[in-house]
Amino acid sequence: MTKKKVPPAEVPADFVAALAAAPEAQQRFATMPPSHQREYVVWIEGARNPETRARRVAAAVQRILSGA
């Protein structure tokens, strides 16, 4: 049985902008396995209101910088 290839996660624009503002986080995110990248994207996109989404974007950048 072969594993099904899952396409890379499509990173939302607000998260891309936040990563661009923190080059070290952007570099770390780029080197993460696709499954880890997808976890961040799914978590951010699961926010129901804009305030929560903004907090999650900021938290994701901080977690990436801290190595989590």
PDB file of N, CA and C in Angstrom:
ATOM      1  N   MET A   1       0.846  -1.178   0.000  1.00  0.00           N
ATOM      2  CA  MET A   1       0.000   0.000   0.000  1.00  0.00           C
ATOM      3  C   MET A   1       0.892   1.241   0.000  1.00  0.00           C
ATOM      4  N   THR A   2       0.593   2.196  -0.856  1.00  0.00           N
ATOM      5  CA  THR A   2       1.379   3.422  -0.934  1.00  0.00           C
ATOM      6  C   THR A   2       0.653   4.562  -0.241  1.00  0.00           C
ATOM      7  N   LYS A   3       1.451   5.474   0.289  1.00  0.00           N
ATOM      8  CA  LYS A   3       0.871   6.640   0.944  1.00  0.00           C
ATOM      9  C   LYS A   3       0.415   7.642  -0.097  1.00  0.00           C
ATOM     10  N   LYS A   4      -0.698   8.263   0.184  1.00  0.00           N
ATOM     11  CA  LYS A   4      -1.225   9.276  -0.717  1.00  0.00           C
ATOM     12  C   LYS A   4      -0.488  10.586  -0.469  1.00  0.00           C
ATOM     13  N   LYS A   5      -0.011  11.212  -1.542  1.00  0.00           N
ATOM     14  CA  LYS A   5       0.676  12.504  -1.424  1.00  0.00           C
ATOM     15  C   LYS A   5      -0.350  13.590  -1.133  1.00  0.00           C
ATOM     16  N   VAL A   6      -0.094  14.351  -0.099  1.00  0.00           N
ATOM     17  CA  VAL A   6      -0.964  15.462   0.255  1.00  0.00           C
ATOM     18  C   VAL A   6      -0.276  16.744  -0.204  1.00  0.00           C
ATOM     19  N   PRO A   7      -0.991  17.600  -0.922  1.00  0.00           N
ATOM     20  CA  PRO A   7      -0.345  18.824  -1.390  1.00  0.00           C
ATOM     21  C   PRO A   7       0.030  19.727  -0.217  1.00  0.00           C
ATOM     22  N   PRO A   8       1.015  20.585  -0.403  1.00  0.00           N
ATOM     23  CA  PRO A   8       1.401  21.501   0.673  1.00  0.00           C
ATOM     24  C   PRO A   8       0.238  22.409   1.042  1.00  0.00           C
ATOM     25  N   ALA A   9       0.242  22.853   2.278  1.00  0.00           N
ATOM     26  CA  ALA A   9      -0.820  23.736   2.756  1.00  0.00           C
ATOM     27  C   ALA A   9      -0.715  25.092   2.065  1.00  0.00           C
ATOM     28  N   GLU A  10      -1.873  25.671   1.754  1.00  0.00           N
ATOM     29  CA  GLU A  10      -1.904  27.015   1.182  1.00  0.00           C
ATOM     30  C   GLU A  10      -1.920  27.997   2.352  1.00  0.00           C
ATOM     31  N   VAL A  11      -0.843  28.724   2.508  1.00  0.00           N
ATOM     32  CA  VAL A  11      -0.677  29.618   3.657  1.00  0.00           C
ATOM     33  C   VAL A  11      -1.488  30.895   3.419  1.00  0.00           C
ATOM     34  N   PRO A  12      -2.366  31.258   4.373  1.00  0.00           N
ATOM     35  CA  PRO A  12      -3.182  32.460   4.196  1.00  0.00           C
ATOM     36  C   PRO A  12      -2.343  33.736   4.194  1.00  0.00           C
ATOM     37  N   ALA A  13      -2.857  34.747   3.518  1.00  0.00           N
ATOM     38  CA  ALA A  13      -2.117  36.000   3.308  1.00  0.00           C
ATOM     39  C   ALA A  13      -1.722  36.682   4.610  1.00  0.00           C
ATOM     40  N   ASP A  14      -2.603  36.668   5.615  1.00  0.00           N
ATOM     41  CA  ASP A  14      -2.264  37.337   6.877  1.00  0.00           C
ATOM     42  C   ASP A  14      -1.106  36.641   7.583  1.00  0.00           C
ATOM     43  N   PHE A  15      -1.045  35.334   7.471  1.00  0.00           N
ATOM     44  CA  PHE A  15       0.050  34.582   8.074  1.00  0.00           C
ATOM     45  C   PHE A  15       1.342  34.800   7.288  1.00  0.00           C
ATOM     46  N   VAL A  16       1.240  34.863   5.966  1.00  0.00           N
ATOM     47  CA  VAL A  16       2.405  35.149   5.129  1.00  0.00           C
ATOM     48  C   VAL A  16       2.992  36.507   5.506  1.00  0.00           C
ATOM     49  N   ALA A  17       2.125  37.504   5.688  1.00  0.00           N
ATOM     50  CA  ALA A  17       2.584  38.846   6.049  1.00  0.00           C
ATOM     51  C   ALA A  17       3.264  38.852   7.413  1.00  0.00           C
ATOM     52  N   ALA A  18       2.687  38.125   8.368  1.00  0.00           N
ATOM     53  CA  ALA A  18       3.278  38.067   9.708  1.00  0.00           C
ATOM     54  C   ALA A  18       4.639  37.367   9.665  1.00  0.00           C
ATOM     55  N   LEU A  19       4.754  36.330   8.865  1.00  0.00           N
ATOM     56  CA  LEU A  19       6.036  35.631   8.730  1.00  0.00           C
ATOM     57  C   LEU A  19       7.066  36.525   8.043  1.00  0.00           C
ATOM     58  N   ALA A  20       6.627  37.296   7.049  1.00  0.00           N
ATOM     59  CA  ALA A  20       7.542  38.199   6.340  1.00  0.00           C
ATOM     60  C   ALA A  20       8.098  39.268   7.276  1.00  0.00           C
ATOM     61  N   ALA A  21       7.317  39.645   8.279  1.00  0.00           N
ATOM     62  CA  ALA A  21       7.766  40.646   9.247  1.00  0.00           C
ATOM     63  C   ALA A  21       8.775  40.068  10.236  1.00  0.00           C
ATOM     64  N   ALA A  22       8.871  38.758  10.288  1.00  0.00           N
ATOM     65  CA  ALA A  22       9.811  38.072  11.179  1.00  0.00           C
ATOM     66  C   ALA A  22      10.611  37.074  10.338  1.00  0.00           C
ATOM     67  N   PRO A  23      11.682  37.538   9.683  1.00  0.00           N
ATOM     68  CA  PRO A  23      12.428  36.680   8.752  1.00  0.00           C
ATOM     69  C   PRO A  23      12.904  35.352   9.341  1.00  0.00           C
ATOM     70  N   GLU A  24      13.276  35.354  10.603  1.00  0.00           N
ATOM     71  CA  GLU A  24      13.728  34.094  11.211  1.00  0.00           C
ATOM     72  C   GLU A  24      12.572  33.094  11.289  1.00  0.00           C
ATOM     73  N   ALA A  25      11.399  33.571  11.652  1.00  0.00           N
ATOM     74  CA  ALA A  25      10.221  32.699  11.700  1.00  0.00           C
ATOM     75  C   ALA A  25       9.870  32.204  10.305  1.00  0.00           C
ATOM     76  N   GLN A  26       9.980  33.084   9.320  1.00  0.00           N
ATOM     77  CA  GLN A  26       9.688  32.720   7.948  1.00  0.00           C
ATOM     78  C   GLN A  26      10.623  31.600   7.475  1.00  0.00           C
ATOM     79  N   GLN A  27      11.895  31.729   7.807  1.00  0.00           N
ATOM     80  CA  GLN A  27      12.867  30.709   7.413  1.00  0.00           C
ATOM     81  C   GLN A  27      12.569  29.382   8.113  1.00  0.00           C
ATOM     82  N   ARG A  28      12.271  29.442   9.399  1.00  0.00           N
ATOM     83  CA  ARG A  28      11.971  28.201  10.139  1.00  0.00           C
ATOM     84  C   ARG A  28      10.714  27.535   9.598  1.00  0.00           C
ATOM     85  N   PHE A  29       9.687  28.347   9.318  1.00  0.00           N
ATOM     86  CA  PHE A  29       8.440  27.795   8.791  1.00  0.00           C
ATOM     87  C   PHE A  29       8.695  27.109   7.450  1.00  0.00           C
ATOM     88  N   ALA A  30       9.522  27.714   6.615  1.00  0.00           N
ATOM     89  CA  ALA A  30       9.815  27.162   5.292  1.00  0.00           C
ATOM     90  C   ALA A  30      10.529  25.818   5.370  1.00  0.00           C
ATOM     91  N   THR A  31      11.271  25.589   6.448  1.00  0.00           N
ATOM     92  CA  THR A  31      12.006  24.328   6.576  1.00  0.00           C
ATOM     93  C   THR A  31      11.236  23.253   7.334  1.00  0.00           C
ATOM     94  N   MET A  32      10.047  23.596   7.829  1.00  0.00           N
ATOM     95  CA  MET A  32       9.223  22.608   8.535  1.00  0.00           C
ATOM     96  C   MET A  32       8.654  21.589   7.550  1.00  0.00           C
ATOM     97  N   PRO A  33       8.420  20.384   8.025  1.00  0.00           N
ATOM     98  CA  PRO A  33       7.743  19.402   7.175  1.00  0.00           C
ATOM     99  C   PRO A  33       6.337  19.919   6.816  1.00  0.00           C
ATOM    100  N   PRO A  34       5.840  19.539   5.652  1.00  0.00           N
ATOM    101  CA  PRO A  34       4.506  20.005   5.234  1.00  0.00           C
ATOM    102  C   PRO A  34       3.399  19.711   6.259  1.00  0.00           C
ATOM    103  N   SER A  35       3.515  18.605   6.961  1.00  0.00           N
ATOM    104  CA  SER A  35       2.481  18.277   7.949  1.00  0.00           C
ATOM    105  C   SER A  35       2.462  19.283   9.095  1.00  0.00           C
ATOM    106  N   HIS A  36       3.622  19.776   9.505  1.00  0.00           N
ATOM    107  CA  HIS A  36       3.688  20.777  10.576  1.00  0.00           C
ATOM    108  C   HIS A  36       3.165  22.119  10.076  1.00  0.00           C
ATOM    109  N   GLN A  37       3.519  22.461   8.854  1.00  0.00           N
ATOM    110  CA  GLN A  37       3.005  23.699   8.271  1.00  0.00           C
ATOM    111  C   GLN A  37       1.478  23.655   8.210  1.00  0.00           C
ATOM    112  N   ARG A  38       0.955  22.520   7.783  1.00  0.00           N
ATOM    113  CA  ARG A  38      -0.494  22.351   7.671  1.00  0.00           C
ATOM    114  C   ARG A  38      -1.177  22.505   9.030  1.00  0.00           C
ATOM    115  N   GLU A  39      -0.554  21.996  10.096  1.00  0.00           N
ATOM    116  CA  GLU A  39      -1.141  22.131  11.433  1.00  0.00           C
ATOM    117  C   GLU A  39      -1.324  23.601  11.806  1.00  0.00           C
ATOM    118  N   TYR A  40      -0.314  24.422  11.527  1.00  0.00           N
ATOM    119  CA  TYR A  40      -0.429  25.851  11.805  1.00  0.00           C
ATOM    120  C   TYR A  40      -1.543  26.483  10.972  1.00  0.00           C
ATOM    121  N   VAL A  41      -1.590  26.159   9.686  1.00  0.00           N
ATOM    122  CA  VAL A  41      -2.590  26.747   8.798  1.00  0.00           C
ATOM    123  C   VAL A  41      -4.003  26.353   9.234  1.00  0.00           C
ATOM    124  N   VAL A  42      -4.206  25.094   9.542  1.00  0.00           N
ATOM    125  CA  VAL A  42      -5.531  24.626   9.966  1.00  0.00           C
ATOM    126  C   VAL A  42      -5.941  25.308  11.269  1.00  0.00           C
ATOM    127  N   TRP A  43      -5.014  25.460  12.197  1.00  0.00           N
ATOM    128  CA  TRP A  43      -5.302  26.113  13.475  1.00  0.00           C
ATOM    129  C   TRP A  43      -5.701  27.569  13.249  1.00  0.00           C
ATOM    130  N   ILE A  44      -4.961  28.271  12.411  1.00  0.00           N
ATOM    131  CA  ILE A  44      -5.260  29.680  12.135  1.00  0.00           C
ATOM    132  C   ILE A  44      -6.603  29.812  11.419  1.00  0.00           C
ATOM    133  N   GLU A  45      -6.831  28.993  10.419  1.00  0.00           N
ATOM    134  CA  GLU A  45      -8.066  29.089   9.648  1.00  0.00           C
ATOM    135  C   GLU A  45      -9.291  28.621  10.421  1.00  0.00           C
ATOM    136  N   GLY A  46      -9.085  27.923  11.527  1.00  0.00           N
ATOM    137  CA  GLY A  46     -10.201  27.466  12.343  1.00  0.00           C
ATOM    138  C   GLY A  46     -10.789  28.545  13.240  1.00  0.00           C
ATOM    139  N   ALA A  47     -10.161  29.702  13.273  1.00  0.00           N
ATOM    140  CA  ALA A  47     -10.667  30.801  14.100  1.00  0.00           C
ATOM    141  C   ALA A  47     -11.979  31.322  13.524  1.00  0.00           C
ATOM    142  N   ARG A  48     -12.931  31.578  14.388  1.00  0.00           N
ATOM    143  CA  ARG A  48     -14.249  32.014  13.930  1.00  0.00           C
ATOM    144  C   ARG A  48     -14.364  33.522  13.772  1.00  0.00           C
ATOM    145  N   ASN A  49     -13.586  34.283  14.528  1.00  0.00           N
ATOM    146  CA  ASN A  49     -13.686  35.733  14.376  1.00  0.00           C
ATOM    147  C   ASN A  49     -12.302  36.337  14.128  1.00  0.00           C
ATOM    148  N   PRO A  50     -12.282  37.519  13.550  1.00  0.00           N
ATOM    149  CA  PRO A  50     -11.003  38.132  13.159  1.00  0.00           C
ATOM    150  C   PRO A  50     -10.036  38.363  14.319  1.00  0.00           C
ATOM    151  N   GLU A  51     -10.561  38.682  15.502  1.00  0.00           N
ATOM    152  CA  GLU A  51      -9.684  38.918  16.649  1.00  0.00           C
ATOM    153  C   GLU A  51      -8.955  37.633  17.047  1.00  0.00           C
ATOM    154  N   THR A  52      -9.683  36.546  17.061  1.00  0.00           N
ATOM    155  CA  THR A  52      -9.077  35.259  17.398  1.00  0.00           C
ATOM    156  C   THR A  52      -8.039  34.873  16.351  1.00  0.00           C
ATOM    157  N   ARG A  53      -8.378  35.090  15.098  1.00  0.00           N
ATOM    158  CA  ARG A  53      -7.446  34.762  14.021  1.00  0.00           C
ATOM    159  C   ARG A  53      -6.162  35.565  14.153  1.00  0.00           C
ATOM    160  N   ALA A  54      -6.289  36.855  14.445  1.00  0.00           N
ATOM    161  CA  ALA A  54      -5.102  37.709  14.606  1.00  0.00           C
ATOM    162  C   ALA A  54      -4.244  37.228  15.772  1.00  0.00           C
ATOM    163  N   ARG A  55      -4.884  36.835  16.867  1.00  0.00           N
ATOM    164  CA  ARG A  55      -4.132  36.303  18.019  1.00  0.00           C
ATOM    165  C   ARG A  55      -3.419  35.008  17.648  1.00  0.00           C
ATOM    166  N   ARG A  56      -4.093  34.167  16.895  1.00  0.00           N
ATOM    167  CA  ARG A  56      -3.473  32.893  16.500  1.00  0.00           C
ATOM    168  C   ARG A  56      -2.298  33.106  15.555  1.00  0.00           C
ATOM    169  N   VAL A  57      -2.426  34.059  14.636  1.00  0.00           N
ATOM    170  CA  VAL A  57      -1.315  34.367  13.732  1.00  0.00           C
ATOM    171  C   VAL A  57      -0.105  34.820  14.542  1.00  0.00           C
ATOM    172  N   ALA A  58      -0.345  35.747  15.484  1.00  0.00           N
ATOM    173  CA  ALA A  58       0.752  36.254  16.314  1.00  0.00           C
ATOM    174  C   ALA A  58       1.342  35.126  17.163  1.00  0.00           C
ATOM    175  N   ALA A  59       0.486  34.289  17.726  1.00  0.00           N
ATOM    176  CA  ALA A  59       0.966  33.182  18.558  1.00  0.00           C
ATOM    177  C   ALA A  59       1.759  32.182  17.717  1.00  0.00           C
ATOM    178  N   ALA A  60       1.315  31.946  16.500  1.00  0.00           N
ATOM    179  CA  ALA A  60       2.026  30.990  15.631  1.00  0.00           C
ATOM    180  C   ALA A  60       3.435  31.491  15.341  1.00  0.00           C
ATOM    181  N   VAL A  61       3.573  32.781  15.046  1.00  0.00           N
ATOM    182  CA  VAL A  61       4.895  33.339  14.775  1.00  0.00           C
ATOM    183  C   VAL A  61       5.786  33.185  16.011  1.00  0.00           C
ATOM    184  N   GLN A  62       5.238  33.470  17.188  1.00  0.00           N
ATOM    185  CA  GLN A  62       6.017  33.338  18.422  1.00  0.00           C
ATOM    186  C   GLN A  62       6.408  31.889  18.687  1.00  0.00           C
ATOM    187  N   ARG A  63       5.487  30.958  18.445  1.00  0.00           N
ATOM    188  CA  ARG A  63       5.804  29.538  18.643  1.00  0.00           C
ATOM    189  C   ARG A  63       6.890  29.067  17.686  1.00  0.00           C
ATOM    190  N   ILE A  64       6.810  29.526  16.461  1.00  0.00           N
ATOM    191  CA  ILE A  64       7.823  29.141  15.473  1.00  0.00           C
ATOM    192  C   ILE A  64       9.178  29.686  15.899  1.00  0.00           C
ATOM    193  N   LEU A  65       9.209  30.942  16.352  1.00  0.00           N
ATOM    194  CA  LEU A  65      10.472  31.543  16.805  1.00  0.00           C
ATOM    195  C   LEU A  65      11.047  30.821  18.018  1.00  0.00           C
ATOM    196  N   SER A  66      10.166  30.309  18.880  1.00  0.00           N
ATOM    197  CA  SER A  66      10.646  29.630  20.084  1.00  0.00           C
ATOM    198  C   SER A  66      11.017  28.173  19.808  1.00  0.00           C
ATOM    199  N   GLY A  67      10.727  27.709  18.594  1.00  0.00           N
ATOM    200  CA  GLY A  67      11.097  26.337  18.239  1.00  0.00           C
ATOM    201  C   GLY A  67      10.028  25.326  18.542  1.00  0.00           C
ATOM    202  N   ALA A  68       8.831  25.776  18.863  1.00  0.00           N
ATOM    203  CA  ALA A  68       7.739  24.846  19.170  1.00  0.00           C
ATOM    204  C   ALA A  68       7.116  24.280  17.919  1.00  0.00           C
TER     205      ALA A  68
END
